[in-house]
Structures are given as structure tokens and as C-alpha cells.
C-alpha atoms as a PDB file:
ATOM      1  CA  PHE A   1      29.013 -71.970  43.132  1.00  0.00           C
ATOM      2  CA  TRP A   2      28.912 -68.638  41.291  1.00  0.00           C
ATOM      3  CA  ARG A   3      32.395 -67.690  42.469  1.00  0.00           C
ATOM      4  CA  ILE A   4      33.803 -70.923  41.072  1.00  0.00           C
ATOM      5  CA  MET A   5      31.862 -70.539  37.822  1.00  0.00           C
ATOM      6  CA  LEU A   6      32.961 -66.928  37.345  1.00  0.00           C
ATOM      7  CA  PHE A   7      36.575 -66.879  38.480  1.00  0.00           C
ATOM      8  CA  TYR A   8      37.630 -70.455  37.662  1.00  0.00           C
ATOM      9  CA  ILE A   9      35.465 -71.878  34.895  1.00  0.00           C
ATOM     10  CA  GLY A  10      34.948 -68.456  33.328  1.00  0.00           C
ATOM     11  CA  ALA A  11      38.654 -67.612  33.396  1.00  0.00           C
ATOM     12  CA  ILE A  12      39.596 -70.975  31.888  1.00  0.00           C
ATOM     13  CA  PHE A  13      37.030 -70.483  29.116  1.00  0.00           C
ATOM     14  CA  ILE A  14      38.328 -67.009  28.242  1.00  0.00           C
ATOM     15  CA  ILE A  15      41.964 -68.132  28.290  1.00  0.00           C
ATOM     16  CA  GLY A  16      41.043 -71.108  26.104  1.00  0.00           C
ATOM     17  CA  THR A  17      39.505 -68.826  23.490  1.00  0.00           C
ATOM     18  CA  LEU A  18      42.571 -66.566  23.401  1.00  0.00           C
ATOM     19  CA  VAL A  19      45.487 -69.018  23.660  1.00  0.00           C
ATOM     20  CA  PRO A  20      45.369 -72.305  21.685  1.00  0.00           C
ATOM     21  CA  PHE A  21      46.799 -75.403  23.341  1.00  0.00           C
ATOM     22  CA  THR A  22      49.260 -75.713  20.436  1.00  0.00           C
ATOM     23  CA  ASP A  23      50.818 -72.302  21.141  1.00  0.00           C
ATOM     24  CA  PRO A  24      54.627 -72.753  21.133  1.00  0.00           C
ATOM     25  CA  SER A  25      55.004 -70.305  24.018  1.00  0.00           C
ATOM     26  CA  LEU A  26      53.136 -72.569  26.425  1.00  0.00           C
ATOM     27  CA  LEU A  27      55.636 -74.163  28.792  1.00  0.00           C
ATOM     28  CA  ALA A  28      58.346 -73.617  26.225  1.00  0.00           C
ATOM     29  CA  SER A  29      61.030 -74.434  28.756  1.00  0.00           C
ATOM     30  CA  GLY A  30      59.411 -77.769  29.601  1.00  0.00           C
ATOM     31  CA  GLU A  31      58.743 -76.610  33.144  1.00  0.00           C
ATOM     32  CA  ALA A  32      55.776 -74.951  34.814  1.00  0.00           C
ATOM     33  CA  ASP A  33      57.232 -71.450  34.664  1.00  0.00           C
ATOM     34  CA  VAL A  34      54.813 -68.583  35.246  1.00  0.00           C
ATOM     35  CA  ALA A  35      56.608 -66.553  32.550  1.00  0.00           C
ATOM     36  CA  SER A  36      55.042 -68.832  29.941  1.00  0.00           C
ATOM     37  CA  SER A  37      51.665 -69.447  31.557  1.00  0.00           C
ATOM     38  CA  PRO A  38      48.466 -68.796  29.559  1.00  0.00           C
ATOM     39  CA  PHE A  39      47.541 -65.860  31.788  1.00  0.00           C
ATOM     40  CA  THR A  40      50.920 -64.218  31.226  1.00  0.00           C
ATOM     41  CA  LEU A  41      50.689 -64.737  27.467  1.00  0.00           C
ATOM     42  CA  VAL A  42      47.310 -63.011  27.361  1.00  0.00           C
ATOM     43  CA  PHE A  43      48.661 -59.985  29.234  1.00  0.00           C
ATOM     44  CA  GLU A  44      51.752 -59.769  27.055  1.00  0.00           C
ATOM     45  CA  ARG A  45      49.776 -59.956  23.806  1.00  0.00           C
ATOM     46  CA  ALA A  46      47.364 -57.337  25.087  1.00  0.00           C
ATOM     47  CA  GLY A  47      50.329 -54.963  25.397  1.00  0.00           C
ATOM     48  CA  ILE A  48      50.300 -54.827  29.206  1.00  0.00           C
ATOM     49  CA  ALA A  49      53.820 -54.385  30.570  1.00  0.00           C
ATOM     50  CA  PHE A  50      55.237 -56.403  33.442  1.00  0.00           C
ATOM     51  CA  ALA A  51      52.738 -59.206  32.855  1.00  0.00           C
ATOM     52  CA  ALA A  52      54.900 -61.822  34.537  1.00  0.00           C
ATOM     53  CA  ALA A  53      55.422 -59.620  37.593  1.00  0.00           C
ATOM     54  CA  ALA A  54      51.690 -58.997  37.846  1.00  0.00           C
ATOM     55  CA  MET A  55      50.972 -62.724  37.632  1.00  0.00           C
ATOM     56  CA  ASN A  56      53.593 -63.434  40.287  1.00  0.00           C
ATOM     57  CA  ALA A  57      51.841 -60.960  42.598  1.00  0.00           C
ATOM     58  CA  VAL A  58      48.442 -62.518  41.893  1.00  0.00           C
ATOM     59  CA  ILE A  59      49.723 -66.057  42.439  1.00  0.00           C
ATOM     60  CA  LEU A  60      51.539 -65.080  45.644  1.00  0.00           C
ATOM     61  CA  THR A  61      48.379 -63.443  46.995  1.00  0.00           C
ATOM     62  CA  ALA A  62      46.317 -66.511  46.087  1.00  0.00           C
ATOM     63  CA  ILE A  63      48.837 -68.829  47.750  1.00  0.00           C
ATOM     64  CA  LEU A  64      48.851 -66.776  50.955  1.00  0.00           C
ATOM     65  CA  SER A  65      45.048 -66.742  50.991  1.00  0.00           C
ATOM     66  CA  ALA A  66      44.815 -70.502  50.374  1.00  0.00           C
ATOM     67  CA  GLY A  67      47.469 -71.200  53.004  1.00  0.00           C
ATOM     68  CA  ASN A  68      45.698 -69.061  55.587  1.00  0.00           C
ATOM     69  CA  SER A  69      42.343 -70.689  54.845  1.00  0.00           C
ATOM     70  CA  GLY A  70      43.832 -74.197  54.908  1.00  0.00           C
ATOM     71  CA  LEU A  71      45.644 -73.562  58.189  1.00  0.00           C
ATOM     72  CA  TYR A  72      42.466 -72.297  59.839  1.00  0.00           C
ATOM     73  CA  ALA A  73      40.262 -75.117  58.539  1.00  0.00           C
ATOM     74  CA  SER A  74      42.774 -77.858  59.401  1.00  0.00           C
ATOM     75  CA  THR A  75      43.318 -76.466  62.898  1.00  0.00           C
ATOM     76  CA  ARG A  76      39.613 -76.311  63.638  1.00  0.00           C
ATOM     77  CA  MET A  77      39.112 -79.785  62.203  1.00  0.00           C
ATOM     78  CA  LEU A  78      41.781 -81.218  64.509  1.00  0.00           C
ATOM     79  CA  TYR A  79      40.232 -79.313  67.418  1.00  0.00           C
ATOM     80  CA  SER A  80      36.802 -80.766  66.637  1.00  0.00           C
ATOM     81  CA  MET A  81      38.205 -84.281  66.271  1.00  0.00           C
ATOM     82  CA  ALA A  82      39.812 -83.984  69.714  1.00  0.00           C
ATOM     83  CA  HIS A  83      36.431 -83.102  71.242  1.00  0.00           C
ATOM     84  CA  ASP A  84      34.827 -86.058  69.442  1.00  0.00           C
ATOM     85  CA  GLY A  85      37.434 -88.442  70.862  1.00  0.00           C
ATOM     86  CA  LYS A  86      39.031 -89.046  67.441  1.00  0.00           C
ATOM     87  CA  ALA A  87      42.293 -87.217  68.225  1.00  0.00           C
ATOM     88  CA  PRO A  88      44.433 -86.652  71.354  1.00  0.00           C
ATOM     89  CA  LYS A  89      42.688 -84.444  73.921  1.00  0.00           C
ATOM     90  CA  ILE A  90      45.553 -81.938  73.976  1.00  0.00           C
ATOM     91  CA  PHE A  91      44.421 -80.673  70.570  1.00  0.00           C
ATOM     92  CA  GLY A  92      41.062 -79.708  72.068  1.00  0.00           C
ATOM     93  CA  ARG A  93      42.544 -77.203  74.514  1.00  0.00           C
ATOM     94  CA  THR A  94      42.454 -73.461  73.886  1.00  0.00           C
ATOM     95  CA  ASN A  95      44.266 -70.474  75.335  1.00  0.00           C
ATOM     96  CA  LYS A  96      42.637 -67.455  76.994  1.00  0.00           C
ATOM     97  CA  ARG A  97      41.744 -66.027  73.583  1.00  0.00           C
ATOM     98  CA  GLY A  98      40.005 -69.236  72.517  1.00  0.00           C
ATOM     99  CA  VAL A  99      42.726 -70.257  70.065  1.00  0.00           C
ATOM    100  CA  PRO A 100      43.591 -74.006  69.972  1.00  0.00           C
ATOM    101  CA  MET A 101      47.354 -73.438  70.014  1.00  0.00           C
ATOM    102  CA  ALA A 102      48.299 -77.133  70.203  1.00  0.00           C
ATOM    103  CA  ALA A 103      46.201 -77.926  67.137  1.00  0.00           C
ATOM    104  CA  LEU A 104      47.520 -74.815  65.374  1.00  0.00           C
ATOM    105  CA  LEU A 105      51.185 -75.690  66.029  1.00  0.00           C
ATOM    106  CA  ALA A 106      50.666 -79.310  64.979  1.00  0.00           C
ATOM    107  CA  THR A 107      48.987 -78.234  61.738  1.00  0.00           C
ATOM    108  CA  ALA A 108      51.675 -75.648  61.006  1.00  0.00           C
ATOM    109  CA  GLY A 109      54.344 -78.263  61.782  1.00  0.00           C
ATOM    110  CA  VAL A 110      52.936 -80.636  59.179  1.00  0.00           C
ATOM    111  CA  GLY A 111      52.900 -77.811  56.641  1.00  0.00           C
ATOM    112  CA  LEU A 112      56.506 -76.923  57.466  1.00  0.00           C
ATOM    113  CA  PHE A 113      57.528 -80.557  57.080  1.00  0.00           C
ATOM    114  CA  GLY A 114      55.833 -80.691  53.694  1.00  0.00           C
ATOM    115  CA  PHE A 115      57.685 -77.561  52.607  1.00  0.00           C
ATOM    116  CA  LEU A 116      61.048 -78.924  53.753  1.00  0.00           C
ATOM    117  CA  THR A 117      60.535 -82.129  51.774  1.00  0.00           C
ATOM    118  CA  ALA A 118      60.596 -80.022  48.609  1.00  0.00           C
ATOM    119  CA  LEU A 119      64.258 -79.343  49.333  1.00  0.00           C
ATOM    120  CA  ILE A 120      65.190 -83.019  49.726  1.00  0.00           C
ATOM    121  CA  GLY A 121      65.843 -85.469  46.906  1.00  0.00           C
ATOM    122  CA  GLN A 122      64.832 -83.077  44.120  1.00  0.00           C
ATOM    123  CA  GLY A 123      61.356 -82.754  45.579  1.00  0.00           C
ATOM    124  CA  ALA A 124      60.413 -86.441  45.204  1.00  0.00           C
ATOM    125  CA  ALA A 125      59.055 -86.682  48.758  1.00  0.00           C
ATOM    126  CA  TYR A 126      57.101 -83.468  48.241  1.00  0.00           C
ATOM    127  CA  ALA A 127      55.539 -84.895  45.080  1.00  0.00           C
ATOM    128  CA  TRP A 128      54.387 -87.966  47.038  1.00  0.00           C
ATOM    129  CA  LEU A 129      52.864 -85.814  49.794  1.00  0.00           C
ATOM    130  CA  LEU A 130      51.207 -83.608  47.179  1.00  0.00           C
ATOM    131  CA  ASN A 131      49.671 -86.644  45.475  1.00  0.00           C
ATOM    132  CA  VAL A 132      48.397 -87.964  48.813  1.00  0.00           C
ATOM    133  CA  SER A 133      46.831 -84.598  49.653  1.00  0.00           C
ATOM    134  CA  GLY A 134      45.281 -84.100  46.223  1.00  0.00           C
ATOM    135  CA  LEU A 135      43.835 -87.597  46.017  1.00  0.00           C
ATOM    136  CA  CYS A 136      42.421 -87.370  49.531  1.00  0.00           C
ATOM    137  CA  GLY A 137      40.574 -84.222  48.471  1.00  0.00           C
ATOM    138  CA  PHE A 138      38.788 -86.154  45.724  1.00  0.00           C
ATOM    139  CA  ILE A 139      38.069 -89.025  48.130  1.00  0.00           C
ATOM    140  CA  VAL A 140      36.467 -86.558  50.550  1.00  0.00           C
ATOM    141  CA  TRP A 141      34.165 -85.288  47.813  1.00  0.00           C
ATOM    142  CA  VAL A 142      33.225 -88.884  46.927  1.00  0.00           C
ATOM    143  CA  GLY A 143      32.171 -89.262  50.554  1.00  0.00           C
ATOM    144  CA  ILE A 144      30.185 -86.029  50.367  1.00  0.00           C
ATOM    145  CA  ALA A 145      28.325 -87.226  47.268  1.00  0.00           C
ATOM    146  CA  VAL A 146      27.499 -90.558  48.923  1.00  0.00           C
ATOM    147  CA  SER A 147      26.453 -88.848  52.182  1.00  0.00           C
ATOM    148  CA  HIS A 148      24.160 -86.442  50.355  1.00  0.00           C
ATOM    149  CA  TYR A 149      22.521 -89.240  48.383  1.00  0.00           C
ATOM    150  CA  ARG A 150      21.970 -91.440  51.457  1.00  0.00           C
ATOM    151  CA  PHE A 151      20.764 -88.504  53.555  1.00  0.00           C
ATOM    152  CA  ARG A 152      18.000 -87.660  51.100  1.00  0.00           C
ATOM    153  CA  ARG A 153      17.082 -91.328  50.740  1.00  0.00           C
ATOM    154  CA  GLY A 154      17.000 -91.751  54.512  1.00  0.00           C
ATOM    155  CA  TYR A 155      15.064 -88.524  55.016  1.00  0.00           C
ATOM    156  CA  LYS A 156      12.353 -89.726  52.667  1.00  0.00           C
ATOM    157  CA  THR A 157      12.402 -93.297  54.013  1.00  0.00           C
ATOM    158  CA  GLN A 158      11.690 -92.059  57.538  1.00  0.00           C
ATOM    159  CA  GLY A 159       8.695 -90.066  56.339  1.00  0.00           C
ATOM    160  CA  PHE A 160      10.044 -86.536  56.707  1.00  0.00           C
ATOM    161  CA  ASP A 161       8.705 -83.739  54.534  1.00  0.00           C
ATOM    162  CA  LEU A 162      11.318 -82.407  52.086  1.00  0.00           C
ATOM    163  CA  SER A 163       9.739 -78.957  52.303  1.00  0.00           C
ATOM    164  CA  ASP A 164      11.106 -78.674  55.859  1.00  0.00           C
ATOM    165  CA  LEU A 165      14.691 -78.687  54.597  1.00  0.00           C
ATOM    166  CA  PRO A 166      16.306 -75.216  54.470  1.00  0.00           C
ATOM    167  CA  TYR A 167      17.878 -76.164  51.140  1.00  0.00           C
ATOM    168  CA  ARG A 168      16.996 -78.849  48.616  1.00  0.00           C
ATOM    169  CA  ALA A 169      19.517 -79.642  45.891  1.00  0.00           C
ATOM    170  CA  PRO A 170      17.854 -79.406  42.471  1.00  0.00           C
ATOM    171  CA  LEU A 171      17.776 -82.368  40.064  1.00  0.00           C
ATOM    172  CA  PHE A 172      18.274 -84.875  42.880  1.00  0.00           C
ATOM    173  CA  PRO A 173      19.423 -87.666  42.618  1.00  0.00           C
ATOM    174  CA  LEU A 174      21.230 -86.708  39.409  1.00  0.00           C
ATOM    175  CA  GLY A 175      23.642 -84.317  41.136  1.00  0.00           C
ATOM    176  CA  PRO A 176      25.319 -86.674  43.637  1.00  0.00           C
ATOM    177  CA  ILE A 177      25.295 -89.570  41.146  1.00  0.00           C
ATOM    178  CA  VAL A 178      27.013 -87.529  38.419  1.00  0.00           C
ATOM    179  CA  ALA A 179      29.485 -86.117  40.968  1.00  0.00           C
ATOM    180  CA  PHE A 180      30.232 -89.628  42.251  1.00  0.00           C
ATOM    181  CA  VAL A 181      30.914 -91.019  38.766  1.00  0.00           C
ATOM    182  CA  MET A 182      33.006 -88.024  37.679  1.00  0.00           C
ATOM    183  CA  LEU A 183      35.103 -88.109  40.845  1.00  0.00           C
ATOM    184  CA  LEU A 184      35.806 -91.818  40.417  1.00  0.00           C
ATOM    185  CA  ALA A 185      36.889 -91.094  36.835  1.00  0.00           C
ATOM    186  CA  VAL A 186      39.225 -88.337  38.025  1.00  0.00           C
ATOM    187  CA  ILE A 187      40.709 -90.587  40.720  1.00  0.00           C
ATOM    188  CA  ALA A 188      41.231 -93.419  38.230  1.00  0.00           C
ATOM    189  CA  GLY A 189      42.868 -91.055  35.758  1.00  0.00           C
ATOM    190  CA  GLN A 190      45.397 -89.534  38.149  1.00  0.00           C
ATOM    191  CA  ASN A 191      48.261 -90.974  36.083  1.00  0.00           C
ATOM    192  CA  TYR A 192      46.787 -93.365  33.549  1.00  0.00           C
ATOM    193  CA  GLU A 193      49.852 -92.890  31.332  1.00  0.00           C
ATOM    194  CA  ALA A 194      52.057 -94.518  33.969  1.00  0.00           C
ATOM    195  CA  VAL A 195      49.541 -97.338  34.389  1.00  0.00           C
ATOM    196  CA  ALA A 196      49.451 -97.993  30.639  1.00  0.00           C
ATOM    197  CA  ALA A 197      53.243 -97.891  30.412  1.00  0.00           C
ATOM    198  CA  GLY A 198      53.701-100.114  33.463  1.00  0.00           C
ATOM    199  CA  ARG A 199      55.869 -97.611  35.360  1.00  0.00           C
ATOM    200  CA  GLY A 200      55.348 -99.038  38.830  1.00  0.00           C
ATOM    201  CA  LEU A 201      56.987 -96.312  40.905  1.00  0.00           C
ATOM    202  CA  GLU A 202      55.063 -93.537  39.157  1.00  0.00           C
ATOM    203  CA  VAL A 203      51.808 -95.475  39.611  1.00  0.00           C
ATOM    204  CA  LEU A 204      52.525 -95.900  43.320  1.00  0.00           C
ATOM    205  CA  SER A 205      53.376 -92.219  43.669  1.00  0.00           C
ATOM    206  CA  ALA A 206      50.176 -91.110  41.921  1.00  0.00           C
ATOM    207  CA  TYR A 207      47.794 -93.465  43.741  1.00  0.00           C
ATOM    208  CA  ILE A 208      49.498 -93.712  47.147  1.00  0.00           C
ATOM    209  CA  GLY A 209      46.538 -91.900  48.704  1.00  0.00           C
ATOM    210  CA  LEU A 210      44.172 -94.796  47.975  1.00  0.00           C
ATOM    211  CA  PRO A 211      45.881 -97.489  50.101  1.00  0.00           C
ATOM    212  CA  LEU A 212      46.505 -94.947  52.866  1.00  0.00           C
ATOM    213  CA  PHE A 213      42.840 -93.984  52.939  1.00  0.00           C
ATOM    214  CA  LEU A 214      41.647 -97.596  52.838  1.00  0.00           C
ATOM    215  CA  GLY A 215      44.097 -98.513  55.604  1.00  0.00           C
ATOM    216  CA  LEU A 216      42.942 -95.698  57.884  1.00  0.00           C
ATOM    217  CA  TRP A 217      39.298 -96.482  57.147  1.00  0.00           C
ATOM    218  CA  LEU A 218      39.801-100.185  57.916  1.00  0.00           C
ATOM    219  CA  VAL A 219      41.628 -99.494  61.198  1.00  0.00           C
ATOM    220  CA  HIS A 220      38.914 -97.041  62.246  1.00  0.00           C
ATOM    221  CA  ARG A 221      36.198 -99.557  61.440  1.00  0.00           C
ATOM    222  CA  LEU A 222      37.944-102.339  63.363  1.00  0.00           C
ATOM    223  CA  VAL A 223      38.589-100.148  66.415  1.00  0.00           C
ATOM    224  CA  THR A 224      35.147 -98.529  66.566  1.00  0.00           C
ATOM    225  CA  LYS A 225      33.337-101.589  65.188  1.00  0.00           C
ATOM    226  CA  SER A 226      31.200 -99.255  63.121  1.00  0.00           C
ATOM    227  CA  LYS A 227      28.766-100.458  60.471  1.00  0.00           C
ATOM    228  CA  VAL A 228      26.846 -98.879  57.621  1.00  0.00           C
ATOM    229  CA  VAL A 229      23.727 -97.321  59.127  1.00  0.00           C
ATOM    230  CA  LYS A 230      20.462 -98.381  57.522  1.00  0.00           C
ATOM    231  CA  LEU A 231      18.314 -95.663  55.945  1.00  0.00           C
ATOM    232  CA  SER A 232      15.530 -96.342  58.429  1.00  0.00           C
ATOM    233  CA  GLU A 233      17.922 -96.066  61.409  1.00  0.00           C
ATOM    234  CA  MET A 234      19.701 -92.806  60.526  1.00  0.00           C
ATOM    235  CA  ASP A 235      19.686 -90.111  63.209  1.00  0.00           C
ATOM    236  CA  LEU A 236      17.964 -87.305  61.334  1.00  0.00           C
ATOM    237  CA  SER A 237      16.850 -85.292  64.338  1.00  0.00           C
ATOM    238  CA  ALA A 238      16.602 -81.694  63.176  1.00  0.00           C
ATOM    239  CA  PRO A 239      18.386 -78.795  64.880  1.00  0.00           C
ATOM    240  CA  ALA A 240      16.233 -76.408  66.884  1.00  0.00           C
ATOM    241  CA  ASP A 241      16.058 -73.754  64.163  1.00  0.00           C
ATOM    242  CA  ILE A 242      14.784 -76.244  61.575  1.00  0.00           C
ATOM    243  CA  GLU A 243      12.243 -77.652  64.013  1.00  0.00           C
ATOM    244  CA  GLU A 244      11.009 -74.146  64.783  1.00  0.00           C
ATOM    245  CA  SER A 245      10.722 -73.378  61.067  1.00  0.00           C
ATOM    246  CA  ALA A 246       8.723 -76.575  60.544  1.00  0.00           C
ATOM    247  CA  LYS A 247       6.372 -75.651  63.425  1.00  0.00           C
ATOM    248  CA  VAL A 248       5.760 -72.197  61.963  1.00  0.00           C
ATOM    249  CA  ARG A 249       5.054 -73.687  58.525  1.00  0.00           C
ATOM    250  CA  SER A 250       2.720 -76.291  60.065  1.00  0.00           C
ATOM    251  CA  ALA A 251       0.846 -73.603  61.978  1.00  0.00           C
ATOM    252  CA  ARG A 252       0.339 -71.613  58.791  1.00  0.00           C
ATOM    253  CA  THR A 253      -0.821 -74.567  56.706  1.00  0.00           C
ATOM    254  CA  GLY A 254      -2.555 -76.532  59.435  1.00  0.00           C
ATOM    255  CA  VAL A 255      -0.505 -79.625  58.575  1.00  0.00           C
ATOM    256  CA  THR A 256       1.550 -81.565  61.105  1.00  0.00           C
ATOM    257  CA  ASN A 257       4.492 -83.638  59.834  1.00  0.00           C
END
């Protein structure tokens, strides 16, 4: 939380106070060129030489870091899905060093394919894949907000003591509700200009992630025949460390949950 507030929100706030949105140097070429980015403008006006080169180095480092993190997380996710029976079993195998090579190669292959699409048809296919990926990220966070809200509701419904939780989100239920509403607004506003102008292809490109997600969700529900779990029937069995913490607290207070 504090990293995001400091390095993202804080940086945007400082840049916004130094460079007005009407500055003619912003994207003067009409393209997202780093030479005319707000960060570069700040460095140049502060008298720091080679501002563009410095920003290129920073952006390259950030991209490498994000790529490395994404590759690791996606590989481990595919590995976990294979063990849960939600992906082919081959992705759950590891080598002698414990590395899931099949999952790693498959993940890297998808990334390579995405990169190659940027070279085909003036990057149109890449833009579609980028929109799918970006929209799916927001959909995931919608699911997280809903899961958090229902978990707390279910935890209380089944009579558990909230004090036994290692962490309790403050201002509940305001947090997940606000996040849910804001995320829906962001998803709806992906390309509202194209919607208002009736540009069908642009609308489809911007919102292609929604039908793909709904299609995958529907197929999964039909195959697994899953249903929404009632609050009173949720499996909220605590891990061993939480149970031990609750026992220690009960022994100190003389109260059994």
C-alpha cells in the first residue's frame, strides 16, 4: 500500500503540480514518445542533462522487473492450476531443481507470441491482446472485492470471532464496496468515446475481454456444475497457525470461540 502511495500516487501528484496538462510539450508528436513524457519534461526544466536517456534507463529497468515478476507469477499459477486439476498435468511437473519447466516454457511462449503480434498488421493484434490482458486484470480485482466481502460476511454468519483473524481490513464493508463500484466504472469507461461515437470495431477491441471472461466462466460452471456457495456453507476452516493463535488467545482470556 505505502509503496503504491509513495512511488505511484505520490509521483503522479508531484508531476501534476509541475507540468500542466495543457503544456504544449506533452506528446507533441501525437505519439507516446518518452522524449516528451511528463517525467522527462521535469528533468529537462530542472537543468538535468540527458533526461530522456535517464528515463529510458528507468523505464527499461521497470519493464525488465515487471516482466520477470509476471513470468514467475504466471508460471507458478499455471503450476498450481495443474495440481488442482484445472490445467494439463504436464504443467505440474518440475525438474531436479524444483522448477516447473513446462509451465515456464508455456508462459514464456505466450509472452513471445504477444511480442511478435506487435510486428504484424501495425500492432493491431497486439492492441487486442493488451486490451484483453488489461481488462482481465480489473475483472480479477472485482472478484477479489467480492470474495473479501463475502468472506467477512460468511465468517460472521458462521459465528467466528473477528479478533482471531491475523488481519482485519479497516472500514469494512466500505472498502470492498467502494473498490467494486470504482472497478466497474473503470471497466465501463475503457473506451466510452468509441461507444458514444458508435465505432463498433474500437468498442469490440476495448471490451473484448468481457465476452472472453464470461465465456470461460460459463464453460467452467457448466463443466464443474459449480454453484454460488451460501454464507453458512463456506469452508472457513482456519490454517494450523491461525488455530494455534486462537488457542493461545483463548487460554489467556479464558474464552473459547
